[in-house]
Amino acid sequence: MKYIFKLSLILTLFCIGGCDRNSSELDEISLSIDKEPELAIERLNSIRHRLTSQSEKARYALLMSMAMDRAYIDYTSDSLISVALEYYRRYGSADDKLKAYYFHALVFGNRGERETEMEYLVKAEHQVPKASDHTSIGRLYAACSAIYYTMIDNQKSLEYAKKALEQYKLAKDDTRIIQAELRLSDCFNRAEEPDSVKKY
């Protein structure tokens, strides 16, 4: 009996140590996605076999989806992001939920299924009041702006482009601020408002 207890204690401690290591490594990888997405993909692939808990697998799936998007890899299968969405729908923070819905929306966007893409973007937007990741919120609004732009709903496209710009300013994300300003100038150009085009 003592042997079984000791063995289970050792296994528990081993799992805790492994989970901590995996968690800290996933934290490190998440910081490199924006600047080195290809390296992030390599590192994620190298630790994939070590991930055992549902939370680790969900985080891996979300980070891999983010890295692939950042590396301009247009994926059309939702098998990866579904792992993250299934978990975060029940256990995640508002930021986790927002990202999972957003990246699930991108899959449908890559397939050209705009209606379903918009459904998932709306679900992501429901998380905004409790979310705090301004860059992710900005990307969500930018995606909505782009869809409305293709639908030739200039008013809605403008509205979401302005929201995206506000979020990128809060995030102090200079590159995306410029992108949002370009989107706004494009919308104002279509609306034939040259003064606003000049401003942005």
N, C-alpha and C. Protein backbone atom coordinates (compact mmCIF):
# COMPACT_ATOMS: atom_id res chain seq x y z
N MET A 1 0.83 -1.20 0.00
CA MET A 1 0.00 0.00 0.00
C MET A 1 0.87 1.26 0.00
N LYS A 2 1.95 1.19 0.87
CA LYS A 2 2.87 2.34 0.94
C LYS A 2 3.57 2.55 -0.40
N TYR A 3 3.90 1.44 -1.06
CA TYR A 3 4.58 1.49 -2.37
C TYR A 3 3.70 2.21 -3.40
N ILE A 4 2.42 1.86 -3.44
CA ILE A 4 1.47 2.47 -4.39
C ILE A 4 1.33 3.96 -4.11
N PHE A 5 1.28 4.31 -2.81
CA PHE A 5 1.16 5.72 -2.43
C PHE A 5 2.39 6.50 -2.89
N LYS A 6 3.58 5.93 -2.63
CA LYS A 6 4.83 6.60 -3.02
C LYS A 6 4.92 6.76 -4.54
N LEU A 7 4.53 5.71 -5.25
CA LEU A 7 4.57 5.74 -6.71
C LEU A 7 3.63 6.82 -7.26
N SER A 8 2.42 6.88 -6.72
CA SER A 8 1.46 7.89 -7.19
C SER A 8 1.94 9.30 -6.86
N LEU A 9 2.62 9.46 -5.69
CA LEU A 9 3.16 10.76 -5.30
C LEU A 9 4.27 11.18 -6.26
N ILE A 10 5.16 10.25 -6.60
CA ILE A 10 6.25 10.54 -7.54
C ILE A 10 5.71 10.93 -8.91
N LEU A 11 4.72 10.16 -9.38
CA LEU A 11 4.10 10.45 -10.69
C LEU A 11 3.42 11.81 -10.69
N THR A 12 2.76 12.16 -9.59
CA THR A 12 2.09 13.47 -9.47
C THR A 12 3.11 14.59 -9.53
N LEU A 13 4.20 14.43 -8.75
CA LEU A 13 5.24 15.47 -8.75
C LEU A 13 5.90 15.60 -10.12
N PHE A 14 6.11 14.46 -10.79
CA PHE A 14 6.70 14.47 -12.13
C PHE A 14 5.79 15.23 -13.10
N CYS A 15 4.47 14.95 -13.02
CA CYS A 15 3.50 15.62 -13.91
C CYS A 15 3.46 17.12 -13.65
N ILE A 16 3.50 17.50 -12.37
CA ILE A 16 3.46 18.93 -12.02
C ILE A 16 4.69 19.63 -12.59
N GLY A 17 5.86 18.97 -12.42
CA GLY A 17 7.10 19.56 -12.96
C GLY A 17 7.05 19.71 -14.46
N GLY A 18 6.54 18.67 -15.13
CA GLY A 18 6.42 18.70 -16.60
C GLY A 18 5.45 19.76 -17.06
N CYS A 19 4.31 19.88 -16.36
CA CYS A 19 3.30 20.88 -16.73
C CYS A 19 3.85 22.29 -16.56
N ASP A 20 4.60 22.50 -15.46
CA ASP A 20 5.20 23.83 -15.23
C ASP A 20 6.17 24.18 -16.35
N ARG A 21 6.98 23.19 -16.74
CA ARG A 21 7.97 23.41 -17.80
C ARG A 21 7.26 23.72 -19.12
N ASN A 22 6.23 22.94 -19.43
CA ASN A 22 5.47 23.16 -20.66
C ASN A 22 4.81 24.53 -20.66
N SER A 23 4.24 24.89 -19.51
CA SER A 23 3.55 26.18 -19.39
C SER A 23 4.50 27.35 -19.60
N SER A 24 5.68 27.28 -18.99
CA SER A 24 6.64 28.38 -19.13
C SER A 24 7.19 28.45 -20.56
N GLU A 25 7.33 27.26 -21.20
CA GLU A 25 7.80 27.24 -22.58
C GLU A 25 6.74 27.83 -23.53
N LEU A 26 5.48 27.51 -23.27
CA LEU A 26 4.39 28.08 -24.07
C LEU A 26 4.31 29.60 -23.88
N ASP A 27 4.59 30.04 -22.65
CA ASP A 27 4.63 31.49 -22.38
C ASP A 27 5.71 32.16 -23.22
N GLU A 28 6.89 31.55 -23.26
CA GLU A 28 8.02 32.08 -24.04
C GLU A 28 7.66 32.14 -25.53
N ILE A 29 7.09 31.06 -26.03
CA ILE A 29 6.73 30.99 -27.45
C ILE A 29 5.71 32.06 -27.81
N SER A 30 4.74 32.29 -26.92
CA SER A 30 3.70 33.29 -27.19
C SER A 30 4.29 34.68 -27.40
N LEU A 31 5.40 34.96 -26.73
CA LEU A 31 6.05 36.28 -26.85
C LEU A 31 6.80 36.44 -28.17
N SER A 32 7.13 35.31 -28.83
CA SER A 32 7.91 35.39 -30.06
C SER A 32 7.06 35.34 -31.34
N ILE A 33 5.76 35.06 -31.18
CA ILE A 33 4.89 34.86 -32.35
C ILE A 33 4.86 36.06 -33.27
N ASP A 34 4.70 37.24 -32.72
CA ASP A 34 4.54 38.43 -33.55
C ASP A 34 5.77 38.72 -34.40
N LYS A 35 6.97 38.55 -33.83
CA LYS A 35 8.19 38.91 -34.56
C LYS A 35 8.84 37.72 -35.27
N GLU A 36 8.68 36.52 -34.72
CA GLU A 36 9.32 35.34 -35.32
C GLU A 36 8.32 34.17 -35.42
N PRO A 37 7.29 34.31 -36.23
CA PRO A 37 6.26 33.26 -36.29
C PRO A 37 6.78 31.91 -36.76
N GLU A 38 7.73 31.91 -37.71
CA GLU A 38 8.26 30.63 -38.20
C GLU A 38 9.00 29.87 -37.10
N LEU A 39 9.77 30.63 -36.30
CA LEU A 39 10.49 30.02 -35.18
C LEU A 39 9.49 29.50 -34.14
N ALA A 40 8.42 30.27 -33.92
CA ALA A 40 7.38 29.85 -32.97
C ALA A 40 6.75 28.53 -33.43
N ILE A 41 6.51 28.40 -34.72
CA ILE A 41 5.93 27.16 -35.27
C ILE A 41 6.87 25.98 -35.03
N GLU A 42 8.17 26.19 -35.27
CA GLU A 42 9.17 25.14 -35.04
C GLU A 42 9.18 24.70 -33.58
N ARG A 43 9.19 25.68 -32.68
CA ARG A 43 9.24 25.38 -31.24
C ARG A 43 7.97 24.68 -30.77
N LEU A 44 6.83 25.12 -31.30
CA LEU A 44 5.57 24.47 -30.93
C LEU A 44 5.55 23.01 -31.39
N ASN A 45 6.05 22.78 -32.60
CA ASN A 45 6.11 21.40 -33.11
C ASN A 45 7.05 20.53 -32.27
N SER A 46 8.10 21.14 -31.75
CA SER A 46 9.09 20.37 -30.97
C SER A 46 8.57 19.96 -29.59
N ILE A 47 7.60 20.67 -29.06
CA ILE A 47 7.10 20.32 -27.72
C ILE A 47 5.72 19.65 -27.76
N ARG A 48 5.16 19.53 -28.94
CA ARG A 48 3.80 19.00 -29.08
C ARG A 48 3.63 17.64 -28.40
N HIS A 49 4.61 16.74 -28.56
CA HIS A 49 4.51 15.38 -28.01
C HIS A 49 4.52 15.35 -26.49
N ARG A 50 4.98 16.47 -25.85
CA ARG A 50 5.08 16.50 -24.38
C ARG A 50 3.79 17.00 -23.72
N LEU A 51 2.89 17.56 -24.50
CA LEU A 51 1.69 18.17 -23.92
C LEU A 51 0.67 17.09 -23.58
N THR A 52 0.22 17.11 -22.34
CA THR A 52 -0.69 16.04 -21.89
C THR A 52 -2.05 16.57 -21.44
N SER A 53 -2.09 17.70 -20.76
CA SER A 53 -3.36 18.21 -20.23
C SER A 53 -4.18 18.90 -21.33
N GLN A 54 -5.48 18.96 -21.12
CA GLN A 54 -6.37 19.62 -22.08
C GLN A 54 -6.04 21.10 -22.20
N SER A 55 -5.66 21.73 -21.08
CA SER A 55 -5.34 23.17 -21.12
C SER A 55 -4.09 23.43 -21.96
N GLU A 56 -3.08 22.54 -21.85
CA GLU A 56 -1.85 22.68 -22.65
C GLU A 56 -2.15 22.48 -24.14
N LYS A 57 -2.96 21.48 -24.44
CA LYS A 57 -3.31 21.20 -25.83
C LYS A 57 -4.11 22.35 -26.44
N ALA A 58 -4.99 22.93 -25.65
CA ALA A 58 -5.79 24.07 -26.13
C ALA A 58 -4.88 25.28 -26.39
N ARG A 59 -3.95 25.51 -25.47
CA ARG A 59 -3.05 26.65 -25.64
C ARG A 59 -2.14 26.45 -26.84
N TYR A 60 -1.66 25.22 -27.01
CA TYR A 60 -0.85 24.89 -28.17
C TYR A 60 -1.63 25.18 -29.46
N ALA A 61 -2.88 24.72 -29.52
CA ALA A 61 -3.72 24.89 -30.72
C ALA A 61 -3.94 26.37 -31.03
N LEU A 62 -4.17 27.17 -29.98
CA LEU A 62 -4.38 28.60 -30.20
C LEU A 62 -3.09 29.28 -30.66
N LEU A 63 -1.98 28.98 -29.98
CA LEU A 63 -0.70 29.60 -30.35
C LEU A 63 -0.26 29.18 -31.76
N MET A 64 -0.49 27.92 -32.12
CA MET A 64 -0.13 27.46 -33.46
C MET A 64 -0.98 28.18 -34.52
N SER A 65 -2.26 28.35 -34.24
CA SER A 65 -3.14 29.08 -35.16
C SER A 65 -2.67 30.52 -35.32
N MET A 66 -2.28 31.14 -34.21
CA MET A 66 -1.79 32.52 -34.24
C MET A 66 -0.50 32.62 -35.04
N ALA A 67 0.42 31.68 -34.80
CA ALA A 67 1.72 31.70 -35.50
C ALA A 67 1.55 31.46 -36.99
N MET A 68 0.68 30.52 -37.36
CA MET A 68 0.44 30.25 -38.78
C MET A 68 -0.17 31.47 -39.48
N ASP A 69 -1.08 32.13 -38.80
CA ASP A 69 -1.68 33.34 -39.36
C ASP A 69 -0.63 34.42 -39.55
N ARG A 70 0.22 34.58 -38.53
CA ARG A 70 1.27 35.61 -38.58
C ARG A 70 2.30 35.29 -39.68
N ALA A 71 2.48 33.99 -39.98
CA ALA A 71 3.43 33.57 -41.02
C ALA A 71 2.76 33.54 -42.40
N TYR A 72 1.53 34.06 -42.47
CA TYR A 72 0.76 34.13 -43.73
C TYR A 72 0.47 32.75 -44.32
N ILE A 73 0.21 31.79 -43.42
CA ILE A 73 -0.19 30.45 -43.87
C ILE A 73 -1.72 30.40 -43.77
N ASP A 74 -2.38 30.38 -44.92
CA ASP A 74 -3.85 30.35 -44.95
C ASP A 74 -4.34 28.92 -44.81
N TYR A 75 -4.79 28.58 -43.61
CA TYR A 75 -5.27 27.22 -43.37
C TYR A 75 -6.80 27.19 -43.50
N THR A 76 -7.32 26.09 -44.06
CA THR A 76 -8.76 25.97 -44.29
C THR A 76 -9.41 24.86 -43.47
N SER A 77 -8.60 24.15 -42.68
CA SER A 77 -9.15 23.12 -41.79
C SER A 77 -9.29 23.70 -40.39
N ASP A 78 -10.42 23.42 -39.76
CA ASP A 78 -10.63 23.93 -38.40
C ASP A 78 -10.30 22.88 -37.33
N SER A 79 -9.63 21.78 -37.72
CA SER A 79 -9.34 20.72 -36.76
C SER A 79 -8.43 21.20 -35.62
N LEU A 80 -7.51 22.10 -35.92
CA LEU A 80 -6.58 22.61 -34.91
C LEU A 80 -7.27 23.61 -33.98
N ILE A 81 -7.85 24.64 -34.54
CA ILE A 81 -8.45 25.70 -33.71
C ILE A 81 -9.67 25.19 -32.95
N SER A 82 -10.31 24.14 -33.45
CA SER A 82 -11.46 23.56 -32.74
C SER A 82 -11.07 23.02 -31.36
N VAL A 83 -9.84 22.54 -31.25
CA VAL A 83 -9.34 22.04 -29.95
C VAL A 83 -9.31 23.19 -28.95
N ALA A 84 -8.82 24.35 -29.39
CA ALA A 84 -8.77 25.52 -28.51
C ALA A 84 -10.17 26.03 -28.20
N LEU A 85 -11.00 26.12 -29.22
CA LEU A 85 -12.35 26.67 -29.03
C LEU A 85 -13.17 25.80 -28.09
N GLU A 86 -13.07 24.48 -28.24
CA GLU A 86 -13.82 23.55 -27.38
C GLU A 86 -13.46 23.75 -25.92
N TYR A 87 -12.16 23.96 -25.66
CA TYR A 87 -11.71 24.13 -24.27
C TYR A 87 -12.04 25.53 -23.74
N TYR A 88 -11.66 26.56 -24.49
CA TYR A 88 -11.83 27.93 -23.99
C TYR A 88 -13.30 28.37 -23.91
N ARG A 89 -14.14 27.75 -24.70
CA ARG A 89 -15.57 28.05 -24.63
C ARG A 89 -16.08 27.80 -23.21
N ARG A 90 -15.48 26.79 -22.53
CA ARG A 90 -15.92 26.43 -21.18
C ARG A 90 -15.04 27.01 -20.07
N TYR A 91 -13.72 27.03 -20.31
CA TYR A 91 -12.82 27.37 -19.21
C TYR A 91 -12.01 28.65 -19.38
N GLY A 92 -11.93 29.18 -20.55
CA GLY A 92 -11.00 30.28 -20.81
C GLY A 92 -11.46 31.64 -20.31
N SER A 93 -10.51 32.57 -20.32
CA SER A 93 -10.82 33.97 -20.02
C SER A 93 -11.51 34.57 -21.25
N ALA A 94 -12.00 35.79 -21.09
CA ALA A 94 -12.63 36.49 -22.22
C ALA A 94 -11.64 36.66 -23.37
N ASP A 95 -10.37 36.93 -23.05
CA ASP A 95 -9.35 37.09 -24.10
C ASP A 95 -9.12 35.77 -24.84
N ASP A 96 -9.07 34.66 -24.09
CA ASP A 96 -8.90 33.34 -24.72
C ASP A 96 -10.08 33.03 -25.64
N LYS A 97 -11.28 33.28 -25.15
CA LYS A 97 -12.49 33.02 -25.94
C LYS A 97 -12.50 33.87 -27.20
N LEU A 98 -12.18 35.16 -27.04
CA LEU A 98 -12.16 36.08 -28.18
C LEU A 98 -11.21 35.59 -29.27
N LYS A 99 -10.00 35.20 -28.86
CA LYS A 99 -9.00 34.73 -29.83
C LYS A 99 -9.45 33.43 -30.50
N ALA A 100 -9.99 32.51 -29.70
CA ALA A 100 -10.43 31.23 -30.26
C ALA A 100 -11.54 31.43 -31.31
N TYR A 101 -12.50 32.28 -30.98
CA TYR A 101 -13.58 32.57 -31.94
C TYR A 101 -13.03 33.29 -33.17
N TYR A 102 -12.11 34.24 -32.94
CA TYR A 102 -11.54 35.02 -34.04
C TYR A 102 -10.78 34.12 -35.02
N PHE A 103 -9.91 33.26 -34.48
CA PHE A 103 -9.12 32.40 -35.37
C PHE A 103 -9.98 31.30 -36.02
N HIS A 104 -11.06 30.93 -35.35
CA HIS A 104 -12.00 30.01 -36.00
C HIS A 104 -12.68 30.72 -37.17
N ALA A 105 -13.00 32.00 -36.96
CA ALA A 105 -13.60 32.79 -38.05
C ALA A 105 -12.68 32.86 -39.26
N LEU A 106 -11.37 32.99 -39.01
CA LEU A 106 -10.41 33.09 -40.11
C LEU A 106 -10.41 31.86 -41.01
N VAL A 107 -10.64 30.69 -40.39
CA VAL A 107 -10.70 29.45 -41.18
C VAL A 107 -11.80 29.57 -42.23
N PHE A 108 -12.97 30.04 -41.80
CA PHE A 108 -14.10 30.17 -42.73
C PHE A 108 -13.85 31.30 -43.74
N GLY A 109 -13.12 32.33 -43.30
CA GLY A 109 -12.74 33.39 -44.23
C GLY A 109 -11.83 32.86 -45.32
N ASN A 110 -10.87 32.00 -44.92
CA ASN A 110 -9.96 31.39 -45.89
C ASN A 110 -10.69 30.46 -46.86
N ARG A 111 -11.82 29.92 -46.42
CA ARG A 111 -12.63 29.07 -47.30
C ARG A 111 -13.57 29.90 -48.19
N GLY A 112 -13.65 31.20 -47.89
CA GLY A 112 -14.58 32.05 -48.64
C GLY A 112 -16.00 31.98 -48.12
N GLU A 113 -16.18 31.42 -46.92
CA GLU A 113 -17.51 31.31 -46.32
C GLU A 113 -17.75 32.52 -45.41
N ARG A 114 -18.07 33.65 -46.03
CA ARG A 114 -18.16 34.93 -45.33
C ARG A 114 -19.24 34.96 -44.24
N GLU A 115 -20.36 34.32 -44.52
CA GLU A 115 -21.47 34.36 -43.56
C GLU A 115 -21.09 33.67 -42.24
N THR A 116 -20.46 32.49 -42.36
CA THR A 116 -20.04 31.76 -41.16
C THR A 116 -18.89 32.49 -40.48
N GLU A 117 -18.01 33.07 -41.28
CA GLU A 117 -16.91 33.87 -40.72
C GLU A 117 -17.48 34.98 -39.85
N MET A 118 -18.49 35.66 -40.35
CA MET A 118 -19.10 36.77 -39.60
C MET A 118 -19.77 36.28 -38.33
N GLU A 119 -20.37 35.10 -38.38
CA GLU A 119 -21.02 34.52 -37.18
C GLU A 119 -20.01 34.36 -36.05
N TYR A 120 -18.81 33.86 -36.39
CA TYR A 120 -17.79 33.66 -35.37
C TYR A 120 -17.17 34.98 -34.91
N LEU A 121 -17.09 35.95 -35.80
CA LEU A 121 -16.59 37.27 -35.41
C LEU A 121 -17.57 37.93 -34.43
N VAL A 122 -18.86 37.73 -34.65
CA VAL A 122 -19.88 38.26 -33.73
C VAL A 122 -19.74 37.60 -32.36
N LYS A 123 -19.49 36.29 -32.35
CA LYS A 123 -19.29 35.58 -31.07
C LYS A 123 -18.04 36.12 -30.37
N ALA A 124 -17.01 36.40 -31.15
CA ALA A 124 -15.78 36.98 -30.58
C ALA A 124 -16.08 38.37 -30.00
N GLU A 125 -16.89 39.13 -30.71
CA GLU A 125 -17.21 40.50 -30.25
C GLU A 125 -17.98 40.49 -28.93
N HIS A 126 -18.73 39.43 -28.66
CA HIS A 126 -19.46 39.31 -27.39
C HIS A 126 -18.51 39.27 -26.19
N GLN A 127 -17.24 38.92 -26.44
CA GLN A 127 -16.25 38.82 -25.36
C GLN A 127 -15.56 40.15 -25.07
N VAL A 128 -15.73 41.12 -25.95
CA VAL A 128 -14.99 42.40 -25.84
C VAL A 128 -15.19 43.11 -24.50
N PRO A 129 -16.41 43.21 -23.96
CA PRO A 129 -16.57 43.94 -22.69
C PRO A 129 -15.69 43.44 -21.55
N LYS A 130 -15.37 42.14 -21.55
CA LYS A 130 -14.54 41.58 -20.47
C LYS A 130 -13.10 41.34 -20.89
N ALA A 131 -12.80 41.57 -22.15
CA ALA A 131 -11.44 41.33 -22.66
C ALA A 131 -10.53 42.52 -22.41
N SER A 132 -9.22 42.27 -22.41
CA SER A 132 -8.26 43.35 -22.15
C SER A 132 -7.11 43.39 -23.15
N ASP A 133 -7.06 42.41 -24.08
CA ASP A 133 -6.00 42.37 -25.08
C ASP A 133 -6.39 43.30 -26.24
N HIS A 134 -5.88 44.51 -26.18
CA HIS A 134 -6.29 45.54 -27.15
C HIS A 134 -5.90 45.20 -28.59
N THR A 135 -4.76 44.54 -28.76
CA THR A 135 -4.34 44.16 -30.12
C THR A 135 -5.33 43.14 -30.71
N SER A 136 -5.71 42.15 -29.93
CA SER A 136 -6.66 41.14 -30.42
C SER A 136 -8.03 41.75 -30.70
N ILE A 137 -8.46 42.66 -29.84
CA ILE A 137 -9.74 43.34 -30.07
C ILE A 137 -9.66 44.17 -31.35
N GLY A 138 -8.53 44.85 -31.53
CA GLY A 138 -8.32 45.65 -32.74
C GLY A 138 -8.35 44.78 -33.99
N ARG A 139 -7.73 43.61 -33.94
CA ARG A 139 -7.73 42.72 -35.10
C ARG A 139 -9.13 42.22 -35.41
N LEU A 140 -9.90 41.97 -34.37
CA LEU A 140 -11.30 41.56 -34.55
C LEU A 140 -12.07 42.66 -35.28
N TYR A 141 -11.93 43.90 -34.80
CA TYR A 141 -12.64 45.02 -35.42
C TYR A 141 -12.16 45.26 -36.86
N ALA A 142 -10.86 45.08 -37.08
CA ALA A 142 -10.32 45.25 -38.45
C ALA A 142 -10.90 44.21 -39.39
N ALA A 143 -11.06 42.98 -38.91
CA ALA A 143 -11.65 41.91 -39.74
C ALA A 143 -13.10 42.23 -40.07
N CYS A 144 -13.84 42.75 -39.08
CA CYS A 144 -15.23 43.15 -39.32
C CYS A 144 -15.29 44.28 -40.35
N SER A 145 -14.38 45.24 -40.21
CA SER A 145 -14.33 46.36 -41.16
C SER A 145 -14.09 45.86 -42.58
N ALA A 146 -13.17 44.90 -42.72
CA ALA A 146 -12.84 44.36 -44.04
C ALA A 146 -14.04 43.65 -44.68
N ILE A 147 -14.78 42.90 -43.86
CA ILE A 147 -15.95 42.20 -44.38
C ILE A 147 -17.01 43.20 -44.84
N TYR A 148 -17.27 44.20 -44.01
CA TYR A 148 -18.27 45.21 -44.40
C TYR A 148 -17.83 45.99 -45.64
N TYR A 149 -16.50 46.15 -45.78
CA TYR A 149 -15.97 46.84 -46.95
C TYR A 149 -16.30 46.06 -48.22
N THR A 150 -16.11 44.73 -48.15
CA THR A 150 -16.41 43.90 -49.34
C THR A 150 -17.91 43.85 -49.61
N MET A 151 -18.71 44.05 -48.56
CA MET A 151 -20.17 44.07 -48.72
C MET A 151 -20.67 45.45 -49.19
N ILE A 152 -19.72 46.37 -49.35
CA ILE A 152 -19.99 47.76 -49.74
C ILE A 152 -20.94 48.43 -48.74
N ASP A 153 -20.74 48.12 -47.46
CA ASP A 153 -21.42 48.83 -46.38
C ASP A 153 -20.38 49.77 -45.77
N ASN A 154 -20.20 50.91 -46.42
CA ASN A 154 -19.13 51.82 -46.05
C ASN A 154 -19.26 52.35 -44.63
N GLN A 155 -20.49 52.61 -44.20
CA GLN A 155 -20.72 53.16 -42.87
C GLN A 155 -20.24 52.20 -41.78
N LYS A 156 -20.61 50.92 -41.93
CA LYS A 156 -20.19 49.91 -40.96
C LYS A 156 -18.68 49.68 -41.03
N SER A 157 -18.14 49.68 -42.24
CA SER A 157 -16.71 49.50 -42.41
C SER A 157 -15.94 50.61 -41.71
N LEU A 158 -16.42 51.83 -41.86
CA LEU A 158 -15.81 52.98 -41.19
C LEU A 158 -15.90 52.85 -39.67
N GLU A 159 -17.08 52.47 -39.21
CA GLU A 159 -17.32 52.34 -37.76
C GLU A 159 -16.33 51.36 -37.14
N TYR A 160 -16.15 50.20 -37.77
CA TYR A 160 -15.24 49.19 -37.23
C TYR A 160 -13.78 49.57 -37.42
N ALA A 161 -13.47 50.26 -38.50
CA ALA A 161 -12.08 50.71 -38.71
C ALA A 161 -11.68 51.71 -37.63
N LYS A 162 -12.61 52.57 -37.23
CA LYS A 162 -12.34 53.54 -36.15
C LYS A 162 -12.14 52.82 -34.83
N LYS A 163 -12.97 51.81 -34.58
CA LYS A 163 -12.83 51.02 -33.35
C LYS A 163 -11.48 50.31 -33.32
N ALA A 164 -11.07 49.76 -34.47
CA ALA A 164 -9.77 49.07 -34.56
C ALA A 164 -8.64 50.05 -34.24
N LEU A 165 -8.72 51.24 -34.82
CA LEU A 165 -7.69 52.25 -34.58
C LEU A 165 -7.59 52.61 -33.10
N GLU A 166 -8.72 52.77 -32.45
CA GLU A 166 -8.74 53.08 -31.00
C GLU A 166 -8.03 51.99 -30.20
N GLN A 167 -8.32 50.73 -30.54
CA GLN A 167 -7.71 49.61 -29.80
C GLN A 167 -6.21 49.53 -30.04
N TYR A 168 -5.78 49.75 -31.28
CA TYR A 168 -4.35 49.70 -31.59
C TYR A 168 -3.60 50.84 -30.89
N LYS A 169 -4.27 51.97 -30.74
CA LYS A 169 -3.65 53.09 -30.01
C LYS A 169 -3.49 52.73 -28.53
N LEU A 170 -4.50 52.06 -27.97
CA LEU A 170 -4.41 51.62 -26.58
C LEU A 170 -3.30 50.59 -26.41
N ALA A 171 -3.10 49.77 -27.44
CA ALA A 171 -2.03 48.75 -27.40
C ALA A 171 -0.67 49.34 -27.75
N LYS A 172 -0.65 50.58 -28.25
CA LYS A 172 0.57 51.24 -28.70
C LYS A 172 1.26 50.42 -29.79
N ASP A 173 0.45 49.89 -30.69
CA ASP A 173 0.93 49.03 -31.78
C ASP A 173 1.03 49.88 -33.05
N ASP A 174 2.21 50.48 -33.26
CA ASP A 174 2.40 51.45 -34.35
C ASP A 174 2.12 50.88 -35.74
N THR A 175 2.57 49.65 -35.99
CA THR A 175 2.35 49.05 -37.31
C THR A 175 0.87 48.92 -37.62
N ARG A 176 0.12 48.42 -36.65
CA ARG A 176 -1.32 48.23 -36.87
C ARG A 176 -2.08 49.56 -36.84
N ILE A 177 -1.56 50.55 -36.16
CA ILE A 177 -2.17 51.89 -36.19
C ILE A 177 -2.14 52.41 -37.63
N ILE A 178 -0.99 52.23 -38.29
CA ILE A 178 -0.85 52.67 -39.69
C ILE A 178 -1.82 51.91 -40.58
N GLN A 179 -1.93 50.59 -40.38
CA GLN A 179 -2.85 49.79 -41.18
C GLN A 179 -4.30 50.26 -41.01
N ALA A 180 -4.68 50.57 -39.77
CA ALA A 180 -6.04 51.02 -39.49
C ALA A 180 -6.29 52.40 -40.12
N GLU A 181 -5.28 53.25 -40.10
CA GLU A 181 -5.43 54.58 -40.73
C GLU A 181 -5.57 54.46 -42.25
N LEU A 182 -4.84 53.51 -42.84
CA LEU A 182 -4.97 53.27 -44.28
C LEU A 182 -6.36 52.75 -44.63
N ARG A 183 -6.90 51.85 -43.77
CA ARG A 183 -8.25 51.34 -43.98
C ARG A 183 -9.27 52.49 -43.91
N LEU A 184 -9.08 53.38 -42.93
CA LEU A 184 -9.98 54.53 -42.79
C LEU A 184 -9.89 55.44 -44.00
N SER A 185 -8.68 55.71 -44.48
CA SER A 185 -8.53 56.60 -45.64
C SER A 185 -9.19 55.99 -46.87
N ASP A 186 -9.10 54.66 -46.98
CA ASP A 186 -9.74 53.95 -48.09
C ASP A 186 -11.26 54.09 -48.01
N CYS A 187 -11.80 53.92 -46.80
CA CYS A 187 -13.26 54.06 -46.61
C CYS A 187 -13.72 55.49 -46.93
N PHE A 188 -12.95 56.47 -46.47
CA PHE A 188 -13.32 57.87 -46.73
C PHE A 188 -13.18 58.21 -48.21
N ASN A 189 -12.21 57.59 -48.86
CA ASN A 189 -12.05 57.79 -50.30
C ASN A 189 -13.28 57.26 -51.05
N ARG A 190 -13.75 56.09 -50.64
CA ARG A 190 -14.95 55.53 -51.26
C ARG A 190 -16.17 56.42 -50.97
N ALA A 191 -16.19 57.03 -49.79
CA ALA A 191 -17.31 57.91 -49.42
C ALA A 191 -17.16 59.31 -50.03
N GLU A 192 -16.07 59.50 -50.77
CA GLU A 192 -15.78 60.78 -51.42
C GLU A 192 -15.70 61.93 -50.41
N GLU A 193 -14.88 61.69 -49.38
CA GLU A 193 -14.62 62.70 -48.36
C GLU A 193 -13.12 62.99 -48.35
N PRO A 194 -12.66 63.82 -49.30
CA PRO A 194 -11.21 64.05 -49.48
C PRO A 194 -10.50 64.62 -48.25
N ASP A 195 -11.18 65.44 -47.46
CA ASP A 195 -10.53 66.01 -46.26
C ASP A 195 -10.17 64.93 -45.26
N SER A 196 -11.08 63.98 -45.08
CA SER A 196 -10.81 62.87 -44.17
C SER A 196 -9.74 61.93 -44.71
N VAL A 197 -9.74 61.75 -46.04
CA VAL A 197 -8.68 60.94 -46.67
C VAL A 197 -7.34 61.56 -46.36
N LYS A 198 -7.26 62.88 -46.53
CA LYS A 198 -6.01 63.61 -46.31
C LYS A 198 -5.57 63.50 -44.83
N LYS A 199 -6.54 63.57 -43.93
CA LYS A 199 -6.26 63.49 -42.50
C LYS A 199 -5.60 62.17 -42.13
N TYR A 200 -6.12 61.07 -42.66
CA TYR A 200 -5.61 59.76 -42.28
C TYR A 200 -4.44 59.32 -43.13
